[in-house]
Protein backbone atom coordinates (compact mmCIF):
# COMPACT_ATOMS: atom_id res chain seq x y z
CA MET A 1 37.08 2.15 -25.72
CA ILE A 2 33.38 2.46 -26.48
CA ASN A 3 32.54 -0.53 -24.28
CA SER A 4 34.65 0.95 -21.47
CA THR A 5 32.75 4.26 -21.71
CA LEU A 6 29.39 2.45 -21.63
CA LYS A 7 30.46 0.51 -18.55
CA GLU A 8 31.49 3.72 -16.83
CA GLN A 9 28.16 5.33 -17.70
CA LEU A 10 26.24 2.32 -16.39
CA HIS A 11 28.32 2.25 -13.20
CA LYS A 12 27.57 5.93 -12.65
CA LEU A 13 23.86 5.37 -13.29
CA LEU A 14 23.67 2.42 -10.91
CA ASN A 15 25.48 4.21 -8.07
CA CYS A 16 23.35 7.11 -6.88
CA ASP A 17 23.89 9.71 -4.18
CA LEU A 18 20.22 10.40 -3.45
CA LYS A 19 20.66 13.89 -2.03
CA THR A 20 22.20 15.15 -5.29
CA LEU A 21 18.87 14.55 -7.06
CA TYR A 22 17.41 17.52 -5.13
CA PRO A 23 19.71 20.51 -5.84
CA LEU A 24 17.23 23.16 -4.63
CA ALA A 25 16.91 21.52 -1.21
CA ARG A 26 20.72 21.31 -0.95
CA SER A 27 21.03 25.05 -1.65
CA LEU A 28 18.72 26.22 1.15
CA ASN A 29 20.81 25.43 4.26
CA ARG A 30 17.86 23.51 5.69
CA LYS A 31 17.18 22.91 9.39
CA LEU A 32 15.38 19.66 10.26
CA TYR A 33 12.96 19.30 13.16
CA PHE A 34 11.33 16.09 14.37
CA TYR A 35 8.22 16.63 16.51
CA VAL A 36 8.04 13.19 18.05
CA GLY A 37 5.38 11.78 20.31
CA PRO A 38 2.32 9.54 20.59
CA THR A 39 -1.16 10.27 19.31
CA ASN A 40 -3.08 13.01 21.13
CA SER A 41 0.12 14.84 22.12
CA GLY A 42 -0.37 18.02 20.06
CA LYS A 43 2.67 17.62 17.82
CA THR A 44 0.84 18.11 14.52
CA HIS A 45 -1.18 21.01 15.97
CA LYS A 46 2.06 22.73 16.98
CA ALA A 47 3.55 22.15 13.53
CA MET A 48 0.48 23.60 11.83
CA GLU A 49 0.70 26.71 14.03
CA GLU A 50 4.22 27.30 12.75
CA LEU A 51 3.09 26.76 9.17
CA MET A 52 0.35 29.35 9.59
CA GLN A 53 2.81 31.92 10.92
CA ALA A 54 5.16 31.46 7.95
CA ASP A 55 4.90 33.61 4.84
CA CYS A 56 4.87 30.49 2.69
CA GLY A 57 4.85 26.79 3.33
CA THR A 58 3.58 23.32 2.50
CA TYR A 59 1.72 20.64 4.44
CA LEU A 60 2.43 17.15 3.07
CA ALA A 61 -0.30 14.72 4.06
CA PRO A 62 -0.38 10.92 4.13
CA LEU A 63 -4.03 10.98 3.02
CA ARG A 64 -6.15 13.08 0.67
CA LEU A 65 -8.61 13.41 3.56
CA LEU A 66 -5.97 15.10 5.75
CA ALA A 67 -4.78 17.37 2.95
CA LEU A 68 -8.38 18.52 2.46
CA GLU A 69 -9.02 19.02 6.20
CA ASN A 70 -5.92 21.17 6.69
CA TYR A 71 -6.66 23.07 3.49
CA GLU A 72 -10.08 23.97 4.89
CA ASN A 73 -8.57 24.74 8.29
CA LEU A 74 -6.21 27.31 6.74
CA LYS A 75 -9.02 28.79 4.64
CA SER A 76 -11.18 29.18 7.77
CA LYS A 77 -8.42 31.35 9.24
CA ASN A 78 -8.38 33.52 6.10
CA ILE A 79 -4.98 32.17 5.01
CA PRO A 80 -4.81 31.90 1.19
CA VAL A 81 -4.01 28.28 0.37
CA SER A 82 -4.02 25.87 -2.56
CA LEU A 83 -4.91 22.16 -2.52
CA ILE A 84 -3.08 19.63 -4.69
CA THR A 85 -3.69 15.88 -4.68
CA GLY A 86 -3.16 13.19 -7.26
CA GLU A 87 -6.58 13.83 -8.79
CA GLU A 88 -7.46 17.47 -8.17
CA GLU A 89 -6.12 20.98 -7.81
CA LYS A 90 -7.75 23.99 -6.13
CA PHE A 91 -5.35 26.77 -7.00
CA ASP A 92 -5.35 30.22 -5.38
CA GLU A 93 -3.09 32.70 -7.19
CA ASP A 94 -2.62 34.67 -3.96
CA ALA A 95 -1.72 31.63 -1.87
CA GLY A 96 1.65 31.25 -0.21
CA HIS A 97 0.60 27.94 1.34
CA ILE A 98 -0.11 24.54 -0.19
CA CYS A 99 -1.73 21.47 1.32
CA SER A 100 -1.04 18.35 -0.72
CA THR A 101 -0.69 14.61 -0.54
CA ILE A 102 2.95 13.71 -0.03
CA GLU A 103 3.38 12.18 -3.49
CA MET A 104 2.48 15.56 -5.03
CA ILE A 105 5.33 17.54 -3.46
CA ASP A 106 6.89 20.13 -5.77
CA PHE A 107 10.67 19.81 -5.46
CA ASN A 108 11.16 23.03 -7.45
CA LEU A 109 9.13 25.33 -5.17
CA ASP A 110 11.12 26.69 -2.23
CA VAL A 111 9.19 27.72 0.90
CA ASP A 112 9.92 28.80 4.46
CA VAL A 113 8.30 25.84 6.24
CA SER A 114 7.41 22.32 5.14
CA ILE A 115 5.51 19.84 7.33
CA ILE A 116 5.96 16.13 6.62
CA ASP A 117 3.17 14.44 8.58
CA GLU A 118 3.19 10.85 9.92
CA VAL A 119 6.86 10.41 9.05
CA GLN A 120 6.93 6.85 10.41
CA MET A 121 5.22 5.97 7.12
CA LEU A 122 8.71 5.88 5.56
CA ALA A 123 8.67 2.22 6.60
CA ASP A 124 5.54 1.45 4.56
CA ASN A 125 6.17 -1.18 1.90
CA ASP A 126 4.07 0.54 -0.77
CA ARG A 127 4.43 4.27 -0.09
CA GLY A 128 7.49 4.68 2.12
CA TRP A 129 9.54 5.99 -0.82
CA ALA A 130 7.39 9.16 -0.87
CA TRP A 131 8.39 10.03 2.71
CA VAL A 132 12.05 9.32 1.95
CA ASN A 133 11.91 11.65 -1.07
CA ALA A 134 10.20 14.37 0.96
CA ILE A 135 12.67 14.17 3.85
CA VAL A 136 15.66 14.31 1.52
CA GLY A 137 14.26 16.73 -1.05
CA SER A 138 11.75 19.13 0.58
CA PRO A 139 12.88 22.60 -0.59
CA ALA A 140 12.19 24.41 2.69
CA ARG A 141 14.43 26.27 5.08
CA LYS A 142 12.59 24.66 8.00
CA VAL A 143 11.46 21.07 7.58
CA ILE A 144 9.18 19.85 10.38
CA MET A 145 8.53 16.11 10.55
CA THR A 146 5.84 14.74 12.85
CA GLY A 147 5.59 11.13 13.90
CA SER A 148 5.98 8.42 16.48
CA VAL A 149 9.07 7.49 18.44
CA ASN A 150 9.78 4.34 16.41
CA ALA A 151 10.91 6.63 13.55
CA LEU A 152 13.44 8.55 15.70
CA ASP A 153 16.45 6.41 14.89
CA ALA A 154 15.58 6.47 11.17
CA ILE A 155 15.34 10.28 11.09
CA LYS A 156 18.68 10.60 12.91
CA LYS A 157 20.37 8.35 10.33
CA ILE A 158 18.95 10.28 7.39
CA ALA A 159 19.98 13.62 8.97
CA ILE A 160 23.55 12.33 9.40
CA TYR A 161 23.60 11.23 5.75
CA LEU A 162 22.36 14.68 4.67
CA GLY A 163 24.79 16.51 6.93
CA GLU A 164 21.93 18.74 8.13
CA ASP A 165 21.14 19.92 11.65
CA LEU A 166 18.33 18.00 13.37
CA GLU A 167 16.44 19.27 16.41
CA ILE A 168 14.27 16.75 18.23
CA VAL A 169 11.21 18.16 20.03
CA LYS A 170 9.49 15.60 22.27
CA PHE A 171 5.76 15.66 23.01
CA LYS A 172 3.90 13.75 25.70
CA ARG A 173 0.37 12.47 25.46
CA LYS A 174 -2.01 14.95 27.08
CA ASN A 175 -4.05 12.35 28.91
CA PRO A 176 -3.47 8.69 29.81
CA LEU A 177 -4.66 5.48 28.23
CA GLU A 178 -5.84 2.62 30.43
CA MET A 179 -6.35 -1.04 29.61
CA MET A 180 -9.68 -2.44 30.74
CA SER A 181 -9.42 -5.44 33.04
CA TYR A 182 -12.38 -7.28 31.50
CA HIS A 183 -13.76 -7.90 28.03
CA VAL A 184 -16.95 -6.18 26.82
CA PRO A 185 -19.42 -8.16 24.67
CA LEU A 186 -21.17 -6.32 21.85
CA GLN A 187 -24.50 -6.16 23.67
CA LYS A 188 -22.88 -4.11 26.45
CA ILE A 189 -21.08 -1.57 24.29
CA GLN A 190 -21.41 1.99 25.58
CA LYS A 191 -21.87 5.29 23.75
CA GLY A 192 -18.60 6.90 22.69
CA THR A 193 -17.09 3.55 21.66
CA ALA A 194 -15.09 2.81 18.52
CA LEU A 195 -15.14 -0.90 17.66
CA ILE A 196 -12.18 -2.11 15.61
CA ALA A 197 -12.49 -4.83 12.97
CA PHE A 198 -10.19 -5.51 10.01
CA SER A 199 -12.42 -6.10 7.00
CA ARG A 200 -15.23 -4.30 5.29
CA ALA A 201 -17.46 -7.35 5.75
CA ASP A 202 -16.91 -7.49 9.51
CA VAL A 203 -17.42 -3.75 9.91
CA LEU A 204 -20.79 -3.89 8.15
CA LYS A 205 -21.88 -7.04 9.99
CA ILE A 206 -21.19 -5.37 13.34
CA LYS A 207 -23.01 -2.25 12.19
CA SER A 208 -26.02 -4.36 11.27
CA ARG A 209 -26.13 -5.93 14.74
CA LEU A 210 -25.66 -2.68 16.64
CA SER A 211 -28.02 -0.57 14.51
CA LYS A 212 -30.96 -2.14 16.37
CA TYR A 213 -29.85 -0.37 19.55
CA HIS A 214 -27.51 2.47 18.47
CA LYS A 215 -26.90 5.04 15.78
CA VAL A 216 -23.74 3.74 14.10
CA SER A 217 -21.08 5.29 11.86
CA VAL A 218 -18.53 3.22 9.94
CA LEU A 219 -15.03 3.78 8.57
CA TYR A 220 -13.13 1.43 6.28
CA GLY A 221 -10.55 1.83 3.56
CA ASN A 222 -12.78 1.13 0.55
CA LEU A 223 -14.89 4.20 1.40
CA SER A 224 -13.89 7.38 -0.37
CA PRO A 225 -12.28 10.14 1.72
CA GLU A 226 -15.47 12.20 1.40
CA VAL A 227 -17.68 9.44 2.83
CA ARG A 228 -15.17 8.67 5.58
CA ARG A 229 -15.19 12.33 6.46
CA GLU A 230 -19.00 12.44 6.61
CA GLU A 231 -19.18 9.28 8.74
CA ALA A 232 -16.55 10.71 11.11
CA LYS A 233 -18.49 13.99 11.29
CA ARG A 234 -21.67 12.14 12.27
CA PHE A 235 -19.84 10.55 15.19
CA ARG A 236 -18.07 13.80 16.11
CA ASP A 237 -21.32 15.76 16.11
CA GLY A 238 -23.24 13.20 18.14
CA ASP A 239 -25.50 12.11 15.26
CA SER A 240 -24.17 8.59 15.88
CA ASP A 241 -23.02 7.21 19.20
CA ILE A 242 -20.99 4.16 18.05
CA LEU A 243 -18.21 3.98 15.46
CA VAL A 244 -17.20 0.73 13.78
CA ALA A 245 -13.90 0.97 11.91
CA THR A 246 -10.93 -0.83 10.43
CA ASP A 247 -7.40 0.44 11.04
CA ALA A 248 -8.32 3.25 8.62
CA ILE A 249 -9.06 5.03 11.92
CA ALA A 250 -5.38 4.92 12.92
CA MET A 251 -4.15 7.87 10.89
CA GLY A 252 -5.29 11.44 11.00
CA LEU A 253 -8.76 11.12 12.53
CA ASN A 254 -9.20 12.95 15.85
CA LEU A 255 -12.58 11.97 17.20
CA PRO A 256 -14.27 12.13 20.64
CA ILE A 257 -13.72 8.41 21.28
CA LYS A 258 -13.84 7.27 24.89
CA TYR A 259 -13.37 3.53 24.36
CA ILE A 260 -11.38 1.70 21.68
CA ILE A 261 -12.63 -1.90 21.66
CA PHE A 262 -10.94 -4.53 19.46
CA THR A 263 -13.25 -7.21 18.07
CA THR A 264 -10.31 -9.29 16.83
CA ASP A 265 -6.55 -9.54 17.30
CA THR A 266 -5.79 -10.69 13.73
CA LYS A 267 -5.73 -9.05 10.30
CA PHE A 268 -5.07 -10.01 6.70
CA ASP A 269 -1.98 -8.08 5.57
CA GLY A 270 -2.28 -8.79 1.85
CA THR A 271 -0.37 -12.06 2.12
CA SER A 272 -1.68 -13.95 5.13
CA ARG A 273 -3.77 -13.60 8.28
CA ARG A 274 -1.59 -12.77 11.28
CA LYS A 275 -1.70 -11.40 14.82
CA LEU A 276 -1.63 -7.65 15.35
CA ILE A 277 1.73 -6.25 16.46
CA SER A 278 2.43 -3.56 19.03
CA ASN A 279 2.95 -0.74 16.50
CA GLU A 280 -0.50 -1.33 15.00
CA ILE A 281 -2.27 -1.70 18.32
CA ILE A 282 -0.67 1.37 19.91
CA GLN A 283 -1.41 3.56 16.87
CA ILE A 284 -5.09 2.56 16.90
CA ALA A 285 -5.43 2.62 20.70
CA GLY A 286 -4.09 6.16 20.80
CA ARG A 287 -7.34 7.40 19.25
CA ALA A 288 -9.12 6.80 22.56
CA GLY A 289 -9.59 9.62 25.07
CA ARG A 290 -9.31 12.72 22.93
CA TYR A 291 -7.96 15.61 24.97
CA GLY A 292 -10.65 18.14 25.86
CA HIS A 293 -13.39 15.52 25.71
CA HIS A 294 -12.27 12.71 28.00
CA GLU A 295 -9.87 12.68 30.93
CA VAL A 296 -8.82 9.09 30.18
CA GLY A 297 -8.93 6.85 27.13
CA HIS A 298 -9.90 3.21 27.61
CA ILE A 299 -8.68 0.20 25.59
CA GLY A 300 -10.46 -3.14 25.55
CA ALA A 301 -11.76 -6.08 23.53
CA THR A 302 -14.94 -8.05 22.98
CA SER A 303 -13.47 -11.38 24.09
CA LYS A 304 -11.06 -12.58 26.76
CA ASN A 305 -8.48 -14.03 24.35
CA VAL A 306 -8.38 -10.91 22.21
CA LEU A 307 -8.05 -8.72 25.31
CA GLU A 308 -5.06 -10.75 26.52
CA HIS A 309 -3.21 -10.29 23.23
CA ILE A 310 -4.09 -6.59 22.96
CA ASP A 311 -2.92 -6.03 26.56
CA LYS A 312 0.39 -7.81 25.95
CA GLU A 313 1.21 -5.95 22.73
CA PHE A 314 -0.02 -2.61 24.08
CA HIS A 315 2.64 -2.81 26.79
CA THR A 316 5.35 -3.92 24.37
CA PRO A 317 7.72 -1.16 23.14
CA LEU A 318 7.26 0.00 19.57
CA HIS A 319 9.46 -1.76 17.03
CA THR A 320 12.16 0.65 15.87
CA ILE A 321 12.20 1.35 12.13
CA LYS A 322 15.45 0.00 10.72
CA PRO A 323 17.33 0.94 7.54
CA PRO A 324 17.66 0.59 4.63
CA PHE A 325 14.80 2.84 3.54
CA GLN A 326 13.10 2.36 0.20
CA VAL A 327 13.74 4.50 -2.90
CA LYS A 328 11.69 4.29 -6.10
CA ALA A 329 13.05 4.83 -9.61
CA THR A 330 12.73 8.29 -11.16
CA ASN A 331 11.51 8.94 -14.70
CA THR A 332 15.07 9.84 -15.71
CA GLN A 333 16.48 6.60 -14.29
CA ILE A 334 13.82 4.58 -16.13
CA GLN A 335 14.74 6.21 -19.44
CA GLU A 336 18.48 5.82 -18.90
CA LEU A 337 18.16 2.16 -17.90
CA SER A 338 15.98 1.56 -20.96
CA ALA A 339 18.73 2.96 -23.17
CA HIS A 340 21.48 0.87 -21.53
CA LEU A 341 19.42 -2.33 -21.47
CA LYS A 342 18.08 -1.71 -24.96
CA THR A 343 14.54 -2.60 -23.90
CA LYS A 344 11.16 -0.92 -23.55
CA SER A 345 9.93 -3.60 -21.13
CA LEU A 346 9.00 -1.73 -17.95
CA THR A 347 8.92 -4.98 -15.97
CA GLN A 348 12.49 -5.79 -17.01
CA ILE A 349 13.67 -2.26 -16.19
CA LEU A 350 11.99 -2.21 -12.76
CA ASN A 351 13.44 -5.62 -11.87
CA TYR A 352 16.91 -4.52 -13.00
CA PHE A 353 16.60 -1.32 -10.95
CA SER A 354 15.73 -3.19 -7.76
CA LYS A 355 18.51 -5.75 -8.19
CA HIS A 356 21.40 -3.52 -9.29
CA MET A 357 20.81 0.06 -8.14
CA LYS A 358 23.02 1.13 -5.21
CA PHE A 359 22.56 4.24 -3.09
CA ASP A 360 24.86 6.20 -0.83
CA GLY A 361 23.41 6.39 2.66
CA PRO A 362 20.79 4.19 4.37
CA PHE A 363 18.69 3.47 1.29
CA LYS A 364 17.81 0.63 -1.06
CA ALA A 365 16.08 0.37 -4.42
CA VAL A 366 12.45 -0.73 -4.06
CA ASN A 367 10.46 -2.87 -6.43
CA LEU A 368 6.81 -2.09 -5.68
CA SER A 369 4.65 -5.17 -6.13
CA SER A 370 1.71 -3.07 -7.36
CA MET A 371 3.87 -1.44 -10.04
CA ILE A 372 5.23 -4.79 -11.18
CA GLU A 373 1.69 -6.16 -11.44
CA LEU A 374 0.58 -3.25 -13.60
CA SER A 375 3.82 -3.16 -15.61
CA LYS A 376 3.16 -6.72 -16.79
CA ILE A 377 -0.24 -5.62 -18.06
CA LEU A 378 1.27 -2.58 -19.75
CA ASP A 379 4.14 -4.48 -21.34
CA ALA A 380 1.55 -6.60 -23.18
CA LYS A 381 0.55 -3.40 -25.00
CA HIS A 382 3.65 -2.91 -27.13
CA GLN A 383 2.60 0.36 -28.71
CA ILE A 384 2.59 2.32 -25.44
CA LYS A 385 5.54 4.67 -24.95
CA LEU A 386 7.78 3.85 -22.01
CA GLU A 387 7.06 7.14 -20.23
CA ASP A 388 3.32 6.42 -20.48
CA LYS A 389 3.88 2.92 -19.14
CA TYR A 390 5.73 4.28 -16.12
CA LEU A 391 3.00 6.84 -15.50
CA LEU A 392 0.17 4.31 -15.75
CA SER A 393 2.02 1.77 -13.59
CA GLN A 394 1.66 4.20 -10.67
CA ALA A 395 -2.12 4.61 -11.06
CA PRO A 396 -4.44 3.86 -8.09
CA VAL A 397 -5.82 0.56 -9.38
CA SER A 398 -7.29 -2.44 -7.59
CA THR A 399 -7.15 -5.22 -10.16
CA LYS A 400 -9.32 -7.40 -7.90
CA SER A 401 -12.31 -5.20 -8.74
CA PRO A 402 -13.68 -6.07 -12.22
CA LEU A 403 -15.18 -2.58 -12.56
CA ILE A 404 -11.89 -0.80 -11.89
CA ARG A 405 -9.81 -3.32 -13.83
CA ASN A 406 -11.97 -2.95 -16.95
CA ALA A 407 -11.85 0.84 -16.70
CA TYR A 408 -8.06 0.68 -16.41
CA PHE A 409 -7.83 -1.45 -19.57
CA ASP A 410 -10.04 1.06 -21.42
CA TYR A 411 -7.85 3.94 -20.27
CA ILE A 412 -4.69 2.10 -21.37
CA MET A 413 -6.15 1.64 -24.85
CA ALA A 414 -7.08 5.33 -24.99
CA VAL A 415 -3.51 6.35 -24.16
CA MET A 416 -2.08 3.82 -26.60
CA HIS A 417 -4.21 5.10 -29.51
CA ASN A 418 -4.10 8.75 -28.44
CA ARG A 419 -7.91 8.67 -28.18
CA ILE A 420 -10.07 10.97 -26.08
CA VAL A 421 -11.97 9.07 -23.39
CA ARG A 422 -15.06 10.43 -21.68
CA TYR A 423 -16.20 9.61 -18.18
CA ARG A 424 -19.21 7.28 -18.31
CA PRO A 425 -21.01 6.10 -15.17
CA SER A 426 -21.26 2.35 -14.61
CA ILE A 427 -24.20 2.33 -12.19
CA ASN A 428 -27.69 3.78 -11.96
CA LEU A 429 -28.21 5.46 -8.62
CA LYS A 430 -31.41 4.89 -6.65
CA ASN A 431 -32.27 6.43 -3.27
CA SER A 432 -29.84 4.13 -1.46
CA ALA A 433 -28.31 0.66 -1.68
CA LYS A 434 -30.49 -2.23 -0.54
CA THR A 435 -27.71 -4.85 -0.40
CA GLN A 436 -24.00 -4.84 0.36
CA LYS A 437 -23.37 -5.77 -3.28
CA GLU A 438 -25.04 -2.57 -4.45
CA LEU A 439 -23.04 -0.58 -1.91
CA LEU A 440 -19.78 -2.21 -3.05
CA LYS A 441 -20.54 -1.31 -6.68
CA ALA A 442 -20.99 2.32 -5.62
CA GLU A 443 -17.72 2.28 -3.65
CA ASP A 444 -15.94 0.85 -6.69
CA GLU A 445 -17.54 3.49 -8.91
CA VAL A 446 -15.99 6.19 -6.72
CA LYS A 447 -12.61 4.50 -7.12
CA LYS A 448 -13.15 4.31 -10.88
CA ILE A 449 -13.88 8.04 -10.88
CA SER A 450 -10.74 8.67 -8.81
CA LEU A 451 -8.72 6.65 -11.34
CA TYR A 452 -10.16 8.76 -14.18
CA LEU A 453 -9.36 11.98 -12.32
CA TRP A 454 -5.85 10.75 -11.45
CA ILE A 455 -5.05 10.12 -15.12
CA ALA A 456 -6.88 13.29 -16.21
CA TYR A 457 -4.63 15.33 -13.92
CA LYS A 458 -1.60 13.99 -15.83
CA LEU A 459 -3.11 13.70 -19.33
CA PRO A 460 -5.90 16.30 -19.52
CA GLN A 461 -5.92 16.39 -23.33
CA LEU A 462 -7.06 12.74 -23.47
CA PHE A 463 -9.25 12.77 -20.36
CA PRO A 464 -11.20 16.04 -20.57
CA ASP A 465 -14.17 15.19 -18.31
CA SER A 466 -12.70 16.14 -14.93
CA THR A 467 -15.61 18.42 -14.10
CA LYS A 468 -18.22 15.82 -15.06
CA ALA A 469 -16.40 13.10 -13.11
CA THR A 470 -16.07 15.32 -10.04
CA ILE A 471 -19.81 16.07 -10.09
CA ALA A 472 -20.55 12.36 -10.47
CA ARG A 473 -18.30 11.57 -7.52
CA VAL A 474 -20.31 13.93 -5.33
CA ALA A 475 -23.53 12.14 -6.32
CA VAL A 476 -22.12 8.63 -5.76
CA ASN A 477 -20.61 9.65 -2.43
CA LYS A 478 -24.02 11.00 -1.36
CA TYR A 479 -25.54 7.67 -2.36
CA CYS A 480 -22.98 5.82 -0.23
CA GLU A 481 -23.57 8.16 2.72
CA ASP A 482 -27.35 7.68 2.54
CA SER A 483 -26.90 3.92 2.22
CA LEU A 484 -24.72 3.73 5.33
CA LYS A 485 -27.25 5.78 7.32
CA SER A 486 -30.11 3.54 6.20
CA LYS A 487 -31.31 0.65 8.31
CA LYS A 488 -32.93 -1.02 5.29
CA ILE A 489 -29.71 -2.24 3.69
CA ASP A 490 -28.83 -5.91 4.17
CA PHE A 491 -25.33 -5.91 5.68
CA GLU A 492 -25.31 -9.61 6.55
CA PHE A 493 -23.74 -10.87 3.28
CA LYS A 494 -25.83 -14.04 3.43
CA ASN A 495 -25.33 -15.53 -0.01
CA GLU A 496 -23.49 -12.80 -1.83
CA ASN A 497 -20.01 -13.08 -3.24
CA ARG A 498 -17.78 -10.79 -1.22
CA ARG A 499 -14.20 -9.68 -1.79
CA ASP A 500 -13.13 -9.09 1.80
CA ASN A 501 -9.38 -9.40 1.41
CA ARG A 502 -8.99 -6.46 -0.92
CA ASN A 503 -10.66 -4.19 1.67
CA HIS A 504 -8.40 -4.95 4.63
CA ASN A 505 -6.55 -1.77 5.41
CA GLY A 506 -3.18 -1.35 6.36
CA ASN A 507 -2.98 3.72 3.08
CA LYS A 508 -9.12 13.34 13.42
CA ARG A 509 -15.90 16.98 19.46
CA GLU A 510 -18.80 16.39 21.20
CA ARG A 511 -20.48 14.75 24.21
CA ASP A 512 -18.78 12.46 26.66
CA GLY A 513 -20.42 9.04 26.88
CA ASN A 514 -22.02 8.31 30.24
CA ARG A 515 -19.83 6.27 32.57
CA ASP A 516 -21.69 3.35 34.14
CA ASN A 517 -20.89 1.46 37.31
CA ARG A 518 -18.69 -1.07 35.51
CA ASN A 519 -15.98 1.56 35.11
CA SER A 520 -14.90 1.00 38.69
CA GLN A 521 -13.50 -2.32 37.47
CA PHE A 522 -11.06 -0.69 35.04
CA GLY A 523 -7.44 -1.66 35.61
CA ARG A 524 -4.99 1.14 36.35
CA ARG A 525 -2.21 0.14 33.98
CA LYS A 526 -1.50 3.35 32.13
CA ARG A 527 0.38 4.25 29.01
CA TYR A 528 1.25 7.92 28.48
C-alpha cells in the first residue's frame, strides 16, 4: 500500500500541467497579443507606448542593457519605475512600472500590461525556458509579446494550450534593406558602417587596422552592458564613425547604421565552427538603415565568397521555431525529486528531471549544460544544502576564465561554511590597458563583480559588499572604456594566449554617412 502511494506521488510529480504552476496568471482572464515583425518595424516602440499608458506594468528584457535603457526612458518621461535585474535593484516606492530582465519576473505581482520582448528567444538552448515561463505565467491582463515571424507558430501553439485569446498584430519594416552587388574590402569601408565578426579577437584586430584611418567603436559579448552602452553611444553620437561588432549587435541596439558588412560567414557556436544560417544573418542585417536616419539599409561583405553566402541566406525564409519548448525544473520540483530519489546529488536530480519529467502541452524538460557543469562542481562539496546548490548552479559563471572560476570556488566555500565574503579587487587599474591581455583581465574582473552582485542579491547576509562592488564596477568599466578609445593598446594578439572561443556570442541617431559614387552599383534586391 505504501509503495503504491509512493508510485502515485511520483507519477503525479513527473506529469506536470505547466499552466497550473501559475495560479495568479490563470485567474486574470488574460488577453495575449503578439506584435510580430522584422527589426526596424516599430513593434517594440508601440508596445512601450501601451506600457506607458497603463497604470501599472512590466517590461521583461532579454538583456540587462535593455532593461536599463527602458528604465531610463520611462524615468525621462516622469513615469515612476523600478529596475530589477539578477544583480541589482533600483526600487521606487511610488512606481507602478517595473523594467527587469526576464529571469527576474515576479509571478505574484499582477499588473495591467506586461511586455515580453524578443519572444523568439524561447528557442534559445540556454535561456529559452525563461521566455516559456513568462508567456505561460505573466500575471497581466494584457500580455504583449514582441518578436520575429519565426516565433508565430510557436506562440499560436502555446496560446491554444493555455486556452487564451491571441491577437496577432503585424508590423512591416519601415524602410527596405538591399544587398550590395559587390564585396567591400576593409580599406574601402565608409563612415556609418558596422563590420560584423564573431570573436573578440577578430573584433579587436579589425579595430586595430581601422583605427589608423577611422574613429572606431566595438561591441562584443565579453564587454559589460555599461561598456557596450558607452561604445554604442559613441557611434550614435558621431564620436566614432565605424562600429566593429559580434552578433551582440543583433538584439536591442538601434543605431544609425547605414551599412552592415560581414567579415566572415562562419561562427563558433560553442561546439564547432559552422556557417551562419538565415535567422542569424537576417537578425543582424536588420540593424542596417535605421528609420529616420537612412532611407535604405545596405548589406554586404568584405569578400566575394562571404557575400555569396550572406546573399543566399538573406533571401532564405526564416526557420520556423518548432515545439517542444524547453522547461527548467523549479525549486519545488528539485526538492520533491530529492525526497523521492533519496539523494542530495543535484547532478543526479537534474538528469532524472530531464529524462523522466513529462509536460502537458508543447513542452519538454530541459537539462541545461551550464547547470550540469556547475552541479558537478557543487556535488563535490557535500556539506552544501541542496537549495544552495540549485541556486549556485544558476550563477553567471564562465569556468574557462581562471579569475571567475577561482572566485566562484571561493564563493561556494563561503556559502558552505556560512562565512561572510567581502568583495576584493583582483587587478590594479592604471590609466588604460596597454595589451589585450590587460583588457581581458579587466573584462573578467567586471564579470567577477557581476557574479558577486548576483549572489549578493540572493544571499545578502553572506555577501554584504554590494555597494563597494558596484562602485568598483564603475571604475573598471571606465578603465575598459578608456582602453577601447586608446590607440596605444596592442590589439594584434601577437604572442599572447587568447581564449577566443569563450567570447563568441550567440545572450538600439546621428549623421548619415556620405554616399560615394560606388553606390550606383548597389543591387536592387530588397527585403522588407
